[in-house]
N, C-alpha and C. Protein backbone atom coordinates (compact mmCIF):
# COMPACT_ATOMS: atom_id res chain seq x y z
N UNK A 1 0.83 -1.19 0.00
CA UNK A 1 0.00 0.00 0.00
C UNK A 1 0.87 1.25 0.00
N UNK A 2 0.43 2.23 -0.73
CA UNK A 2 1.16 3.48 -0.78
C UNK A 2 0.83 4.32 0.46
N UNK A 3 1.83 4.98 0.98
CA UNK A 3 1.60 5.84 2.13
C UNK A 3 1.13 7.20 1.68
N UNK A 4 0.24 7.75 2.51
CA UNK A 4 -0.22 9.11 2.22
C UNK A 4 0.82 10.11 2.70
N UNK A 5 0.97 11.22 1.97
CA UNK A 5 1.91 12.24 2.44
C UNK A 5 1.37 12.88 3.73
N UNK A 6 2.29 13.33 4.55
CA UNK A 6 1.90 13.98 5.81
C UNK A 6 1.12 15.25 5.52
N UNK A 7 0.02 15.42 6.23
CA UNK A 7 -0.80 16.62 6.04
C UNK A 7 -0.32 17.72 6.96
N UNK A 8 -0.30 18.91 6.42
CA UNK A 8 0.06 20.07 7.24
C UNK A 8 -1.16 20.53 8.01
N UNK A 9 -0.97 21.06 9.21
CA UNK A 9 -2.12 21.58 9.94
C UNK A 9 -2.71 22.79 9.22
N UNK A 10 -4.01 22.92 9.31
CA UNK A 10 -4.68 24.04 8.65
C UNK A 10 -4.23 25.35 9.28
N UNK A 11 -4.01 26.38 8.47
CA UNK A 11 -3.60 27.67 9.04
C UNK A 11 -4.73 28.28 9.86
N UNK A 12 -4.36 28.90 10.94
CA UNK A 12 -5.35 29.53 11.82
C UNK A 12 -5.79 30.87 11.23
N UNK A 13 -7.08 31.20 11.36
CA UNK A 13 -7.54 32.51 10.88
C UNK A 13 -7.03 33.62 11.79
N UNK A 14 -7.00 34.81 11.24
CA UNK A 14 -6.53 35.95 12.01
C UNK A 14 -7.52 36.28 13.13
N UNK A 15 -6.99 36.89 14.17
CA UNK A 15 -7.81 37.24 15.33
C UNK A 15 -8.91 38.24 14.97
N UNK A 16 -8.58 39.20 14.13
CA UNK A 16 -9.56 40.21 13.75
C UNK A 16 -10.69 39.59 12.92
N UNK A 17 -10.36 38.64 12.05
CA UNK A 17 -11.41 38.02 11.24
C UNK A 17 -12.31 37.14 12.11
N UNK A 18 -11.75 36.48 13.12
CA UNK A 18 -12.57 35.68 14.03
C UNK A 18 -13.49 36.59 14.85
N UNK A 19 -12.96 37.73 15.29
CA UNK A 19 -13.77 38.67 16.06
C UNK A 19 -14.92 39.21 15.22
N UNK A 20 -14.63 39.56 13.98
CA UNK A 20 -15.69 40.08 13.11
C UNK A 20 -16.72 38.99 12.80
N UNK A 21 -16.29 37.74 12.70
CA UNK A 21 -17.21 36.63 12.46
C UNK A 21 -18.19 36.49 13.64
N UNK A 22 -17.69 36.62 14.87
CA UNK A 22 -18.55 36.51 16.05
C UNK A 22 -19.51 37.68 16.10
N UNK A 23 -19.03 38.88 15.81
CA UNK A 23 -19.89 40.07 15.84
C UNK A 23 -20.99 39.96 14.78
N UNK A 24 -20.64 39.52 13.59
CA UNK A 24 -21.65 39.33 12.54
C UNK A 24 -22.66 38.27 12.93
N UNK A 25 -22.19 37.20 13.57
CA UNK A 25 -23.10 36.15 14.04
C UNK A 25 -24.10 36.67 15.07
N UNK A 26 -23.63 37.48 16.01
CA UNK A 26 -24.52 38.05 17.02
C UNK A 26 -25.53 39.00 16.38
N UNK A 27 -25.09 39.81 15.45
CA UNK A 27 -26.00 40.76 14.79
C UNK A 27 -27.07 40.01 14.00
N UNK A 28 -26.66 38.99 13.25
CA UNK A 28 -27.64 38.21 12.50
C UNK A 28 -28.60 37.51 13.46
N UNK A 29 -28.08 36.97 14.56
CA UNK A 29 -28.93 36.33 15.56
C UNK A 29 -29.93 37.30 16.18
N UNK A 30 -29.48 38.52 16.44
CA UNK A 30 -30.40 39.53 16.99
C UNK A 30 -31.51 39.88 16.00
N UNK A 31 -31.16 40.00 14.73
CA UNK A 31 -32.16 40.32 13.72
C UNK A 31 -33.17 39.19 13.58
N UNK A 32 -32.68 37.96 13.53
CA UNK A 32 -33.58 36.81 13.41
C UNK A 32 -34.45 36.69 14.66
N UNK A 33 -33.84 36.89 15.84
CA UNK A 33 -34.61 36.84 17.09
C UNK A 33 -35.65 37.93 17.16
N UNK A 34 -35.33 39.12 16.65
CA UNK A 34 -36.30 40.22 16.64
C UNK A 34 -37.48 39.89 15.73
N UNK A 35 -37.20 39.36 14.56
CA UNK A 35 -38.27 39.01 13.63
C UNK A 35 -39.17 37.92 14.22
N UNK A 36 -38.56 36.89 14.80
CA UNK A 36 -39.36 35.81 15.39
C UNK A 36 -40.16 36.33 16.58
N UNK A 37 -39.56 37.21 17.39
CA UNK A 37 -40.30 37.74 18.55
C UNK A 37 -41.44 38.64 18.12
N UNK A 38 -41.28 39.37 17.01
CA UNK A 38 -42.38 40.19 16.51
C UNK A 38 -43.50 39.33 15.96
N UNK A 39 -43.16 38.23 15.32
CA UNK A 39 -44.18 37.34 14.77
C UNK A 39 -44.92 36.62 15.88
N UNK A 40 -44.17 36.11 16.86
CA UNK A 40 -44.80 35.28 17.90
C UNK A 40 -45.29 36.08 19.09
N UNK A 41 -44.78 37.28 19.30
CA UNK A 41 -45.18 38.08 20.46
C UNK A 41 -44.47 37.67 21.74
N UNK A 42 -43.45 36.84 21.65
CA UNK A 42 -42.71 36.37 22.82
C UNK A 42 -41.32 36.98 22.77
N UNK A 43 -41.01 37.91 23.66
CA UNK A 43 -39.81 38.73 23.57
C UNK A 43 -38.52 37.96 23.85
N UNK A 44 -38.59 36.80 24.48
CA UNK A 44 -37.37 36.07 24.79
C UNK A 44 -36.71 35.45 23.56
N UNK A 45 -37.39 35.46 22.43
CA UNK A 45 -36.76 34.99 21.20
C UNK A 45 -35.58 35.88 20.82
N UNK A 46 -35.61 37.12 21.27
CA UNK A 46 -34.50 38.03 20.98
C UNK A 46 -33.22 37.53 21.65
N UNK A 47 -33.32 37.13 22.91
CA UNK A 47 -32.14 36.60 23.61
C UNK A 47 -31.71 35.25 23.03
N UNK A 48 -32.69 34.43 22.67
CA UNK A 48 -32.36 33.14 22.07
C UNK A 48 -31.66 33.32 20.73
N UNK A 49 -32.11 34.28 19.94
CA UNK A 49 -31.47 34.56 18.66
C UNK A 49 -30.04 35.05 18.84
N UNK A 50 -29.82 35.90 19.86
CA UNK A 50 -28.46 36.38 20.12
C UNK A 50 -27.55 35.22 20.55
N UNK A 51 -28.08 34.32 21.35
CA UNK A 51 -27.28 33.17 21.80
C UNK A 51 -26.94 32.25 20.64
N UNK A 52 -27.90 32.00 19.76
CA UNK A 52 -27.63 31.15 18.60
C UNK A 52 -26.63 31.83 17.66
N UNK A 53 -26.78 33.14 17.48
CA UNK A 53 -25.83 33.87 16.63
C UNK A 53 -24.42 33.86 17.21
N UNK A 54 -24.31 33.97 18.53
CA UNK A 54 -23.00 33.92 19.18
C UNK A 54 -22.37 32.53 19.00
N UNK A 55 -23.18 31.50 19.20
CA UNK A 55 -22.66 30.14 19.03
C UNK A 55 -22.26 29.90 17.58
N UNK A 56 -23.08 30.31 16.64
CA UNK A 56 -22.78 30.12 15.23
C UNK A 56 -21.52 30.88 14.83
N UNK A 57 -21.41 32.12 15.30
CA UNK A 57 -20.25 32.93 14.95
C UNK A 57 -18.95 32.40 15.55
N UNK A 58 -19.02 31.75 16.71
CA UNK A 58 -17.80 31.25 17.32
C UNK A 58 -17.43 29.85 16.84
N UNK A 59 -18.39 29.05 16.37
CA UNK A 59 -18.09 27.70 15.90
C UNK A 59 -17.62 27.68 14.46
N UNK A 60 -18.15 28.56 13.64
CA UNK A 60 -17.79 28.57 12.22
C UNK A 60 -16.41 29.21 12.07
N UNK A 61 -15.55 28.57 11.30
CA UNK A 61 -14.20 29.07 11.10
C UNK A 61 -14.20 30.07 9.95
N UNK A 62 -13.72 31.30 10.19
CA UNK A 62 -13.68 32.28 9.10
C UNK A 62 -12.65 31.87 8.05
N UNK A 63 -12.80 32.37 6.84
CA UNK A 63 -11.84 32.02 5.78
C UNK A 63 -10.45 32.57 6.09
N UNK A 64 -9.44 31.83 5.71
CA UNK A 64 -8.06 32.25 5.93
C UNK A 64 -7.60 32.99 4.69
N UNK A 65 -6.94 34.11 4.90
CA UNK A 65 -6.46 34.93 3.77
C UNK A 65 -5.15 34.42 3.28
């Protein structure tokens, strides 16, 4: 069997791009939470949307330049 070449570790994204990714995630989460809370009349969707946006923004890896 042929051996696979050693893989290099993926380059880490810059700190500023990760920070902007988290901020964009929170903003999108707030907007989605606001829309859902306006539709349903339950204001806690705003906090839930912010939490989901924060989680999404921190888990997704921003593109490396």
